[in-house]
C-alpha atoms as a PDB file:
ATOM      1  CA  MET A   1      23.948  -8.643   7.022  1.00  0.00           C
ATOM      2  CA  ASN A   2      21.910  -8.622  10.196  1.00  0.00           C
ATOM      3  CA  GLU A   3      20.548  -5.093  10.337  1.00  0.00           C
ATOM      4  CA  VAL A   4      18.166  -3.172   8.106  1.00  0.00           C
ATOM      5  CA  ALA A   5      20.129  -1.152   5.543  1.00  0.00           C
ATOM      6  CA  ALA A   6      20.076  -0.346   1.834  1.00  0.00           C
ATOM      7  CA  GLY A   7      20.358  -3.528  -0.207  1.00  0.00           C
ATOM      8  CA  ALA A   8      18.785  -5.732   2.471  1.00  0.00           C
ATOM      9  CA  VAL A   9      15.750  -7.932   1.996  1.00  0.00           C
ATOM     10  CA  VAL A  10      13.655  -7.354   5.097  1.00  0.00           C
ATOM     11  CA  SER A  11      10.736  -9.413   6.402  1.00  0.00           C
ATOM     12  CA  ILE A  12       8.379  -7.600   8.764  1.00  0.00           C
ATOM     13  CA  ALA A  13       5.156  -8.393  10.583  1.00  0.00           C
ATOM     14  CA  VAL A  14       2.847  -5.409  10.185  1.00  0.00           C
ATOM     15  CA  GLU A  15      -0.157  -4.317  12.208  1.00  0.00           C
ATOM     16  CA  LEU A  16      -2.107  -1.423  10.773  1.00  0.00           C
ATOM     17  CA  CYS A  17      -4.727   0.537  12.740  1.00  0.00           C
ATOM     18  CA  ASP A  18      -6.712   3.666  11.976  1.00  0.00           C
ATOM     19  CA  GLY A  19      -5.984   6.863  13.903  1.00  0.00           C
ATOM     20  CA  GLN A  20      -8.309   5.786  16.739  1.00  0.00           C
ATOM     21  CA  GLY A  21      -6.646   2.377  17.118  1.00  0.00           C
ATOM     22  CA  ALA A  22      -9.191   0.159  15.310  1.00  0.00           C
ATOM     23  CA  LEU A  23      -7.380  -2.743  13.634  1.00  0.00           C
ATOM     24  CA  LEU A  24      -7.375  -2.527   9.840  1.00  0.00           C
ATOM     25  CA  GLN A  25      -4.833  -5.229   9.050  1.00  0.00           C
ATOM     26  CA  GLY A  26      -2.653  -7.566  11.021  1.00  0.00           C
ATOM     27  CA  GLY A  27      -1.717 -11.160  11.638  1.00  0.00           C
ATOM     28  CA  GLY A  28      -1.326 -11.933   7.937  1.00  0.00           C
ATOM     29  CA  ALA A  29       1.703 -13.130   6.054  1.00  0.00           C
ATOM     30  CA  PRO A  30       4.864 -11.133   6.659  1.00  0.00           C
ATOM     31  CA  LEU A  31       5.706  -8.326   4.257  1.00  0.00           C
ATOM     32  CA  VAL A  32       9.018  -8.911   2.488  1.00  0.00           C
ATOM     33  CA  TYR A  33      10.595  -5.945   0.723  1.00  0.00           C
ATOM     34  CA  LEU A  34      13.903  -4.632  -0.630  1.00  0.00           C
ATOM     35  CA  HIS A  35      15.161  -1.833   1.622  1.00  0.00           C
ATOM     36  CA  GLY A  36      16.689   1.311   0.191  1.00  0.00           C
ATOM     37  CA  GLY A  37      14.071   3.442  -1.543  1.00  0.00           C
ATOM     38  CA  TYR A  38      12.577   0.854  -3.904  1.00  0.00           C
ATOM     39  CA  GLY A  39       8.993   1.613  -2.845  1.00  0.00           C
ATOM     40  CA  GLY A  40       8.260  -1.679  -1.099  1.00  0.00           C
ATOM     41  CA  VAL A  41       7.006   0.140   2.013  1.00  0.00           C
ATOM     42  CA  LEU A  42       6.043   3.718   2.810  1.00  0.00           C
ATOM     43  CA  ALA A  43       9.087   5.983   3.176  1.00  0.00           C
ATOM     44  CA  PRO A  44       8.462   6.855   6.876  1.00  0.00           C
ATOM     45  CA  ILE A  45       8.287   3.143   7.739  1.00  0.00           C
ATOM     46  CA  GLU A  46      11.492   2.443   5.833  1.00  0.00           C
ATOM     47  CA  GLN A  47      13.230   5.318   7.643  1.00  0.00           C
ATOM     48  CA  ALA A  48      12.061   4.064  11.052  1.00  0.00           C
ATOM     49  CA  LEU A  49      13.355   0.548  10.308  1.00  0.00           C
ATOM     50  CA  GLU A  50      16.823   1.705   9.235  1.00  0.00           C
ATOM     51  CA  GLY A  51      19.514   0.117  11.425  1.00  0.00           C
ATOM     52  CA  ARG A  52      17.098  -2.212  13.256  1.00  0.00           C
ATOM     53  CA  ARG A  53      17.805  -5.900  13.833  1.00  0.00           C
ATOM     54  CA  PRO A  54      15.480  -8.917  13.910  1.00  0.00           C
ATOM     55  CA  GLY A  55      13.225  -8.748  16.953  1.00  0.00           C
ATOM     56  CA  ALA A  56      13.049  -4.931  16.939  1.00  0.00           C
ATOM     57  CA  THR A  57       9.622  -3.275  16.846  1.00  0.00           C
ATOM     58  CA  VAL A  58       8.821   0.214  15.625  1.00  0.00           C
ATOM     59  CA  ARG A  59       5.557   2.066  16.114  1.00  0.00           C
ATOM     60  CA  LEU A  60       4.551   5.072  14.045  1.00  0.00           C
ATOM     61  CA  HIS A  61       1.636   7.453  13.711  1.00  0.00           C
ATOM     62  CA  LEU A  62       1.286   8.607  10.096  1.00  0.00           C
ATOM     63  CA  GLU A  63      -0.879  11.479   8.961  1.00  0.00           C
ATOM     64  CA  PRO A  64      -2.496  11.002   5.531  1.00  0.00           C
ATOM     65  CA  GLU A  65       0.144  13.024   3.688  1.00  0.00           C
ATOM     66  CA  HIS A  66       2.815  10.599   4.931  1.00  0.00           C
ATOM     67  CA  ALA A  67       0.731   7.477   4.310  1.00  0.00           C
ATOM     68  CA  PHE A  68      -1.609   7.081   1.318  1.00  0.00           C
ATOM     69  CA  GLY A  69      -2.341  10.754   0.697  1.00  0.00           C
ATOM     70  CA  GLU A  70      -5.356  12.942   1.171  1.00  0.00           C
ATOM     71  CA  TYR A  71      -8.657  11.791  -0.302  1.00  0.00           C
ATOM     72  CA  ASP A  72      -9.074  13.360  -3.766  1.00  0.00           C
ATOM     73  CA  ALA A  73     -12.734  13.801  -4.732  1.00  0.00           C
ATOM     74  CA  ALA A  74     -11.639  14.365  -8.345  1.00  0.00           C
ATOM     75  CA  LEU A  75     -10.759  10.638  -8.500  1.00  0.00           C
ATOM     76  CA  LEU A  76     -14.405   9.684  -7.878  1.00  0.00           C
ATOM     77  CA  ARG A  77     -16.220   8.990 -11.154  1.00  0.00           C
ATOM     78  CA  VAL A  78     -19.709   7.969 -12.252  1.00  0.00           C
ATOM     79  CA  GLU A  79     -19.610   6.137 -15.578  1.00  0.00           C
ATOM     80  CA  LEU A  80     -21.916   4.084 -17.755  1.00  0.00           C
ATOM     81  CA  ARG A  81     -22.008   0.524 -16.481  1.00  0.00           C
ATOM     82  CA  SER A  82     -22.000  -0.816 -20.057  1.00  0.00           C
ATOM     83  CA  ARG A  83     -18.433   0.509 -20.474  1.00  0.00           C
ATOM     84  CA  TYR A  84     -17.174  -2.381 -18.306  1.00  0.00           C
ATOM     85  CA  GLY A  85     -19.225  -5.341 -19.543  1.00  0.00           C
ATOM     86  CA  ASP A  86     -21.066  -7.966 -17.532  1.00  0.00           C
ATOM     87  CA  GLY A  87     -20.046  -9.298 -14.144  1.00  0.00           C
ATOM     88  CA  LEU A  88     -19.195  -5.983 -12.506  1.00  0.00           C
ATOM     89  CA  GLU A  89     -19.489  -6.140  -8.693  1.00  0.00           C
ATOM     90  CA  VAL A  90     -18.869  -3.763  -5.801  1.00  0.00           C
ATOM     91  CA  GLY A  91     -15.288  -4.180  -4.575  1.00  0.00           C
ATOM     92  CA  MET A  92     -13.872  -5.160  -7.955  1.00  0.00           C
ATOM     93  CA  GLU A  93     -11.009  -3.185  -9.428  1.00  0.00           C
ATOM     94  CA  VAL A  94     -10.955  -1.951 -13.006  1.00  0.00           C
ATOM     95  CA  GLU A  95      -8.236  -0.147 -14.911  1.00  0.00           C
ATOM     96  CA  ASP A  96      -9.235   2.849 -16.975  1.00  0.00           C
ATOM     97  CA  ALA A  97      -8.014   6.222 -18.212  1.00  0.00           C
ATOM     98  CA  PHE A  98     -10.136   9.361 -18.421  1.00  0.00           C
ATOM     99  CA  ASP A  99      -9.682  12.765 -20.036  1.00  0.00           C
ATOM    100  CA  GLY A 100      -6.394  11.762 -21.674  1.00  0.00           C
ATOM    101  CA  GLY A 101      -4.805  10.845 -18.364  1.00  0.00           C
ATOM    102  CA  ALA A 102      -2.670   7.834 -17.609  1.00  0.00           C
ATOM    103  CA  PRO A 103      -4.438   4.555 -16.808  1.00  0.00           C
ATOM    104  CA  ARG A 104      -5.060   3.912 -13.119  1.00  0.00           C
ATOM    105  CA  MET A 105      -6.880   1.396 -10.975  1.00  0.00           C
ATOM    106  CA  TYR A 106     -10.393   2.233  -9.768  1.00  0.00           C
ATOM    107  CA  THR A 107     -12.445   0.385  -7.170  1.00  0.00           C
ATOM    108  CA  VAL A 108     -16.126  -0.173  -7.898  1.00  0.00           C
ATOM    109  CA  THR A 109     -17.912   1.359  -4.901  1.00  0.00           C
ATOM    110  CA  ASP A 110     -21.539   1.366  -6.066  1.00  0.00           C
ATOM    111  CA  LEU A 111     -23.728   0.065  -8.878  1.00  0.00           C
ATOM    112  CA  ALA A 112     -27.023   1.466 -10.141  1.00  0.00           C
ATOM    113  CA  GLU A 113     -29.192   0.372 -13.038  1.00  0.00           C
ATOM    114  CA  ASP A 114     -26.967   1.774 -15.774  1.00  0.00           C
ATOM    115  CA  LYS A 115     -24.221   3.533 -13.776  1.00  0.00           C
ATOM    116  CA  VAL A 116     -21.125   2.516 -11.859  1.00  0.00           C
ATOM    117  CA  VAL A 117     -19.312   4.577  -9.220  1.00  0.00           C
ATOM    118  CA  LEU A 118     -15.522   4.279  -9.417  1.00  0.00           C
ATOM    119  CA  ASP A 119     -13.018   5.496  -6.833  1.00  0.00           C
ATOM    120  CA  GLY A 120      -9.401   5.997  -7.911  1.00  0.00           C
ATOM    121  CA  ASN A 121      -8.175   6.765  -4.395  1.00  0.00           C
ATOM    122  CA  HIS A 122      -6.229   4.224  -2.371  1.00  0.00           C
ATOM    123  CA  PRO A 123      -8.662   2.607   0.105  1.00  0.00           C
ATOM    124  CA  LEU A 124      -6.714   4.185   2.984  1.00  0.00           C
ATOM    125  CA  ALA A 125      -6.449   7.660   1.442  1.00  0.00           C
ATOM    126  CA  GLY A 126      -7.374  10.438   3.856  1.00  0.00           C
ATOM    127  CA  MET A 127      -6.759   8.290   6.927  1.00  0.00           C
ATOM    128  CA  ALA A 128      -4.272   8.778   9.735  1.00  0.00           C
ATOM    129  CA  LEU A 129      -2.671   5.430  10.520  1.00  0.00           C
ATOM    130  CA  ARG A 130      -0.971   3.759  13.441  1.00  0.00           C
ATOM    131  CA  VAL A 131       1.615   1.275  12.223  1.00  0.00           C
ATOM    132  CA  SER A 132       3.490  -1.343  14.234  1.00  0.00           C
ATOM    133  CA  CYS A 133       6.259  -3.336  12.519  1.00  0.00           C
ATOM    134  CA  GLU A 134       8.378  -6.133  13.938  1.00  0.00           C
ATOM    135  CA  VAL A 135      11.550  -7.028  12.057  1.00  0.00           C
ATOM    136  CA  LEU A 136      11.443 -10.791  11.515  1.00  0.00           C
ATOM    137  CA  SER A 137      14.536 -11.283   9.356  1.00  0.00           C
ATOM    138  CA  VAL A 138      17.156  -9.405   7.368  1.00  0.00           C
ATOM    139  CA  ARG A 139      19.421 -10.748   4.625  1.00  0.00           C
ATOM    140  CA  ALA A 140      21.547  -9.343   1.835  1.00  0.00           C
ATOM    141  CA  ALA A 141      19.702  -9.004  -1.462  1.00  0.00           C
ATOM    142  CA  THR A 142      20.855 -11.044  -4.425  1.00  0.00           C
ATOM    143  CA  GLU A 143      22.229  -9.341  -7.532  1.00  0.00           C
ATOM    144  CA  GLU A 144      18.999 -10.267  -9.333  1.00  0.00           C
ATOM    145  CA  GLU A 145      16.837  -8.670  -6.618  1.00  0.00           C
ATOM    146  CA  LEU A 146      18.900  -5.483  -6.770  1.00  0.00           C
ATOM    147  CA  ARG A 147      18.668  -5.411 -10.562  1.00  0.00           C
ATOM    148  CA  ARG A 148      14.864  -5.858 -10.464  1.00  0.00           C
ATOM    149  CA  GLY A 149      14.440  -3.482  -7.516  1.00  0.00           C
ATOM    150  CA  GLU A 150      12.283  -5.922  -5.544  1.00  0.00           C
ATOM    151  CA  ALA A 151      12.635  -8.884  -3.212  1.00  0.00           C
ATOM    152  CA  GLY A 152      11.926 -12.469  -4.195  1.00  0.00           C
END
């Protein structure tokens, strides 16, 4: 298998910029994912990579609804700091559930004397993104990878 298709393990180099072109992420380790709707990459990126071969580059502009969603102010919470114990710092992630909802990850965005501000949005929620992906390698997934639904 030498082109991106369902059941392929794909390695891509990704450069991520905001809507104005400021670099958010790039130059790190390649992203390796199982192609074919397993959720390893955003659906528009997966669609753009379909049929590509190693060496191919795709560039996309994604509006928030096609990337990490619109920012949801309802996912911003102010809670008692004591609920989370000692050692809480800005930037940390905590898992919690509120109002009978399912547990989700929250990022600590601010600390006050006895309060903590938690944000349940993805850090890139509400942002338009420019994405550049270069296909580095493509191989057939193993039976185990297909069974698990993820590469590696």
